[in-house]
Amino acid sequence: MRYMLYGVLFSILGGVAIALQGIFNARLGEGIGFWHTNAFVHGSGFLVALTIMLLFEGVNFSPMREVQPYYLLGGVMGVIIIFSVINGITAIGASYTVILLIVTQILITAAINYFGIFGEPVILLTAKKLLGLGLMISGVVIYQLS
């Protein structure tokens, strides 16, 4: 139960951070340009992560040899995410951008789970799960259109 509560709290924290980061990055990008913003965001994130790692875990990158090489593309995905969110917010606004991000995430992660891609546990799409996915997406679309 405790881990579930942590999962919920960290998911909410992540959602807040994603919403704020998108807007902050878009405004910073308007001021200093996209690539400067992307470099600053990843550079400052690197410094914070490095500091936390050094304070609490020390340095040990040897386990990286044991993971699939494509799992090392998270930083590249981060550049794509920031590029997409900044340009999306600039072009269509924060709300539409986040709505499209959420719907896309729901669909892609459902497909990843359904097919068990990247070692994820297979989650069959039962009628109830499909109804739930449809309701989530419908709710997001109805919210946006109202």
C-alpha atoms as a PDB file:
ATOM      1  CA  MET A   1       0.000   0.000   0.000  1.00  0.00           C
ATOM      2  CA  ARG A   2       2.847   2.364   0.878  1.00  0.00           C
ATOM      3  CA  TYR A   3       4.494   1.869  -2.530  1.00  0.00           C
ATOM      4  CA  MET A   4       1.208   2.497  -4.286  1.00  0.00           C
ATOM      5  CA  LEU A   5       0.821   5.768  -2.407  1.00  0.00           C
ATOM      6  CA  TYR A   6       4.378   6.717  -3.390  1.00  0.00           C
ATOM      7  CA  GLY A   7       3.560   5.848  -6.988  1.00  0.00           C
ATOM      8  CA  VAL A   8       0.486   8.072  -6.956  1.00  0.00           C
ATOM      9  CA  LEU A   9       2.280  10.967  -5.260  1.00  0.00           C
ATOM     10  CA  PHE A  10       5.298  10.785  -7.569  1.00  0.00           C
ATOM     11  CA  SER A  11       3.020  10.549 -10.615  1.00  0.00           C
ATOM     12  CA  ILE A  12       1.188  13.694  -9.515  1.00  0.00           C
ATOM     13  CA  LEU A  13       4.504  15.441  -8.854  1.00  0.00           C
ATOM     14  CA  GLY A  14       5.705  14.407 -12.317  1.00  0.00           C
ATOM     15  CA  GLY A  15       2.507  15.680 -13.916  1.00  0.00           C
ATOM     16  CA  VAL A  16       2.890  19.053 -12.226  1.00  0.00           C
ATOM     17  CA  ALA A  17       6.549  19.241 -13.254  1.00  0.00           C
ATOM     18  CA  ILE A  18       5.778  18.320 -16.880  1.00  0.00           C
ATOM     19  CA  ALA A  19       3.042  20.950 -17.115  1.00  0.00           C
ATOM     20  CA  LEU A  20       5.248  23.656 -15.630  1.00  0.00           C
ATOM     21  CA  GLN A  21       8.368  22.610 -17.537  1.00  0.00           C
ATOM     22  CA  GLY A  22       6.601  22.835 -20.876  1.00  0.00           C
ATOM     23  CA  ILE A  23       5.433  26.369 -20.235  1.00  0.00           C
ATOM     24  CA  PHE A  24       8.743  27.471 -18.695  1.00  0.00           C
ATOM     25  CA  ASN A  25      10.712  26.000 -21.591  1.00  0.00           C
ATOM     26  CA  ALA A  26       8.449  27.588 -24.207  1.00  0.00           C
ATOM     27  CA  ARG A  27       8.827  31.025 -22.605  1.00  0.00           C
ATOM     28  CA  LEU A  28      12.591  30.575 -22.191  1.00  0.00           C
ATOM     29  CA  GLY A  29      12.778  29.457 -25.829  1.00  0.00           C
ATOM     30  CA  GLU A  30      11.012  32.636 -26.926  1.00  0.00           C
ATOM     31  CA  GLY A  31      13.657  34.608 -25.059  1.00  0.00           C
ATOM     32  CA  ILE A  32      16.887  32.789 -25.887  1.00  0.00           C
ATOM     33  CA  GLY A  33      16.036  30.396 -28.725  1.00  0.00           C
ATOM     34  CA  PHE A  34      15.183  26.712 -28.880  1.00  0.00           C
ATOM     35  CA  TRP A  35      18.612  25.102 -28.924  1.00  0.00           C
ATOM     36  CA  HIS A  36      19.950  27.376 -26.191  1.00  0.00           C
ATOM     37  CA  THR A  37      16.910  26.461 -24.106  1.00  0.00           C
ATOM     38  CA  ASN A  38      17.331  22.749 -24.785  1.00  0.00           C
ATOM     39  CA  ALA A  39      21.029  22.900 -23.883  1.00  0.00           C
ATOM     40  CA  PHE A  40      20.293  24.881 -20.710  1.00  0.00           C
ATOM     41  CA  VAL A  41      17.484  22.541 -19.626  1.00  0.00           C
ATOM     42  CA  HIS A  42      19.552  19.407 -20.125  1.00  0.00           C
ATOM     43  CA  GLY A  43      22.701  21.015 -18.703  1.00  0.00           C
ATOM     44  CA  SER A  44      20.986  22.209 -15.540  1.00  0.00           C
ATOM     45  CA  GLY A  45      19.211  18.849 -15.204  1.00  0.00           C
ATOM     46  CA  PHE A  46      22.549  17.088 -15.606  1.00  0.00           C
ATOM     47  CA  LEU A  47      24.104  19.187 -12.842  1.00  0.00           C
ATOM     48  CA  VAL A  48      21.212  18.513 -10.449  1.00  0.00           C
ATOM     49  CA  ALA A  49      21.222  14.765 -11.200  1.00  0.00           C
ATOM     50  CA  LEU A  50      25.023  14.605 -10.909  1.00  0.00           C
ATOM     51  CA  THR A  51      24.941  16.387  -7.553  1.00  0.00           C
ATOM     52  CA  ILE A  52      22.244  14.069  -6.174  1.00  0.00           C
ATOM     53  CA  MET A  53      24.088  11.020  -7.518  1.00  0.00           C
ATOM     54  CA  LEU A  54      27.368  12.084  -5.924  1.00  0.00           C
ATOM     55  CA  LEU A  55      25.704  12.897  -2.595  1.00  0.00           C
ATOM     56  CA  PHE A  56      23.600   9.757  -2.267  1.00  0.00           C
ATOM     57  CA  GLU A  57      24.913   6.992  -4.525  1.00  0.00           C
ATOM     58  CA  GLY A  58      28.456   7.637  -5.665  1.00  0.00           C
ATOM     59  CA  VAL A  59      29.736   6.988  -9.168  1.00  0.00           C
ATOM     60  CA  ASN A  60      29.259   3.574 -10.750  1.00  0.00           C
ATOM     61  CA  PHE A  61      28.313   3.410 -14.405  1.00  0.00           C
ATOM     62  CA  SER A  62      29.460  -0.185 -14.925  1.00  0.00           C
ATOM     63  CA  PRO A  63      25.878  -1.581 -14.759  1.00  0.00           C
ATOM     64  CA  MET A  64      25.179   0.329 -17.984  1.00  0.00           C
ATOM     65  CA  ARG A  65      27.005  -2.463 -19.816  1.00  0.00           C
ATOM     66  CA  GLU A  66      24.226  -4.840 -18.801  1.00  0.00           C
ATOM     67  CA  VAL A  67      21.264  -2.974 -20.325  1.00  0.00           C
ATOM     68  CA  GLN A  68      20.015  -2.962 -23.883  1.00  0.00           C
ATOM     69  CA  PRO A  69      21.855  -0.212 -25.799  1.00  0.00           C
ATOM     70  CA  TYR A  70      18.620   1.431 -26.956  1.00  0.00           C
ATOM     71  CA  TYR A  71      17.720   2.089 -23.313  1.00  0.00           C
ATOM     72  CA  LEU A  72      20.555   4.625 -23.323  1.00  0.00           C
ATOM     73  CA  LEU A  73      18.529   6.843 -25.667  1.00  0.00           C
ATOM     74  CA  GLY A  74      16.607   8.511 -22.824  1.00  0.00           C
ATOM     75  CA  GLY A  75      18.617  11.711 -23.190  1.00  0.00           C
ATOM     76  CA  VAL A  76      17.901  11.783 -26.918  1.00  0.00           C
ATOM     77  CA  MET A  77      14.209  11.284 -26.135  1.00  0.00           C
ATOM     78  CA  GLY A  78      14.473  14.208 -23.717  1.00  0.00           C
ATOM     79  CA  VAL A  79      15.720  16.457 -26.529  1.00  0.00           C
ATOM     80  CA  ILE A  80      12.844  15.300 -28.742  1.00  0.00           C
ATOM     81  CA  ILE A  81      10.338  15.873 -25.924  1.00  0.00           C
ATOM     82  CA  ILE A  82      11.562  19.376 -25.199  1.00  0.00           C
ATOM     83  CA  PHE A  83      11.690  20.214 -28.920  1.00  0.00           C
ATOM     84  CA  SER A  84       8.131  18.922 -29.396  1.00  0.00           C
ATOM     85  CA  VAL A  85       6.644  20.551 -26.307  1.00  0.00           C
ATOM     86  CA  ILE A  86       8.244  23.954 -26.922  1.00  0.00           C
ATOM     87  CA  ASN A  87       7.107  23.995 -30.545  1.00  0.00           C
ATOM     88  CA  GLY A  88       3.684  22.604 -29.675  1.00  0.00           C
ATOM     89  CA  ILE A  89       3.026  25.181 -26.957  1.00  0.00           C
ATOM     90  CA  THR A  90       4.301  28.001 -29.162  1.00  0.00           C
ATOM     91  CA  ALA A  91       2.087  26.903 -32.080  1.00  0.00           C
ATOM     92  CA  ILE A  92      -1.153  25.759 -30.407  1.00  0.00           C
ATOM     93  CA  GLY A  93      -0.869  26.687 -26.710  1.00  0.00           C
ATOM     94  CA  ALA A  94      -0.164  24.764 -23.537  1.00  0.00           C
ATOM     95  CA  SER A  95      -3.576  23.182 -23.087  1.00  0.00           C
ATOM     96  CA  TYR A  96      -3.894  21.694 -26.581  1.00  0.00           C
ATOM     97  CA  THR A  97      -0.284  20.520 -26.473  1.00  0.00           C
ATOM     98  CA  VAL A  98      -0.685  18.744 -23.132  1.00  0.00           C
ATOM     99  CA  ILE A  99      -3.974  17.185 -24.246  1.00  0.00           C
ATOM    100  CA  LEU A 100      -2.347  15.747 -27.367  1.00  0.00           C
ATOM    101  CA  LEU A 101       0.630  14.563 -25.319  1.00  0.00           C
ATOM    102  CA  ILE A 102      -1.643  12.769 -22.862  1.00  0.00           C
ATOM    103  CA  VAL A 103      -3.747  11.072 -25.537  1.00  0.00           C
ATOM    104  CA  THR A 104      -0.612   9.985 -27.405  1.00  0.00           C
ATOM    105  CA  GLN A 105       0.999   8.662 -24.210  1.00  0.00           C
ATOM    106  CA  ILE A 106      -2.134   6.683 -23.355  1.00  0.00           C
ATOM    107  CA  LEU A 107      -2.296   5.080 -26.796  1.00  0.00           C
ATOM    108  CA  ILE A 108       1.428   4.328 -27.121  1.00  0.00           C
ATOM    109  CA  THR A 109       1.811   2.914 -23.607  1.00  0.00           C
ATOM    110  CA  ALA A 110      -1.315   0.779 -24.107  1.00  0.00           C
ATOM    111  CA  ALA A 111       0.253  -0.637 -27.280  1.00  0.00           C
ATOM    112  CA  ILE A 112       3.599  -1.191 -25.529  1.00  0.00           C
ATOM    113  CA  ASN A 113       1.859  -3.068 -22.705  1.00  0.00           C
ATOM    114  CA  TYR A 114      -0.397  -5.028 -25.053  1.00  0.00           C
ATOM    115  CA  PHE A 115       2.552  -6.317 -27.085  1.00  0.00           C
ATOM    116  CA  GLY A 116       4.975  -6.550 -24.135  1.00  0.00           C
ATOM    117  CA  ILE A 117       7.519  -4.328 -25.867  1.00  0.00           C
ATOM    118  CA  PHE A 118      10.741  -3.400 -23.991  1.00  0.00           C
ATOM    119  CA  GLY A 119      10.170  -6.131 -21.439  1.00  0.00           C
ATOM    120  CA  GLU A 120       6.953  -4.598 -20.128  1.00  0.00           C
ATOM    121  CA  PRO A 121       4.430  -7.062 -18.748  1.00  0.00           C
ATOM    122  CA  VAL A 122       1.721  -7.952 -21.248  1.00  0.00           C
ATOM    123  CA  ILE A 123      -1.593  -6.347 -20.348  1.00  0.00           C
ATOM    124  CA  LEU A 124      -4.459  -7.653 -22.414  1.00  0.00           C
ATOM    125  CA  LEU A 125      -6.940  -5.102 -23.668  1.00  0.00           C
ATOM    126  CA  THR A 126     -10.192  -6.405 -22.254  1.00  0.00           C
ATOM    127  CA  ALA A 127     -13.503  -4.734 -23.027  1.00  0.00           C
ATOM    128  CA  LYS A 128     -13.320  -2.889 -19.689  1.00  0.00           C
ATOM    129  CA  LYS A 129      -9.786  -1.643 -20.381  1.00  0.00           C
ATOM    130  CA  LEU A 130     -10.760  -0.491 -23.881  1.00  0.00           C
ATOM    131  CA  LEU A 131     -13.795   1.277 -22.423  1.00  0.00           C
ATOM    132  CA  GLY A 132     -11.546   2.929 -19.826  1.00  0.00           C
ATOM    133  CA  LEU A 133      -9.075   4.055 -22.507  1.00  0.00           C
ATOM    134  CA  GLY A 134     -11.944   5.380 -24.592  1.00  0.00           C
ATOM    135  CA  LEU A 135     -13.403   7.248 -21.620  1.00  0.00           C
ATOM    136  CA  MET A 136     -10.022   8.797 -20.756  1.00  0.00           C
ATOM    137  CA  ILE A 137      -9.475   9.958 -24.304  1.00  0.00           C
ATOM    138  CA  SER A 138     -13.083  11.128 -24.655  1.00  0.00           C
ATOM    139  CA  GLY A 139     -12.828  13.045 -21.401  1.00  0.00           C
ATOM    140  CA  VAL A 140      -9.672  14.787 -22.547  1.00  0.00           C
ATOM    141  CA  VAL A 141     -11.225  15.668 -25.919  1.00  0.00           C
ATOM    142  CA  ILE A 142     -14.514  16.862 -24.361  1.00  0.00           C
ATOM    143  CA  TYR A 143     -12.566  18.976 -21.859  1.00  0.00           C
ATOM    144  CA  GLN A 144     -10.598  20.575 -24.650  1.00  0.00           C
ATOM    145  CA  LEU A 145     -13.575  21.236 -26.902  1.00  0.00           C
ATOM    146  CA  SER A 146     -15.724  22.820 -24.210  1.00  0.00           C
END
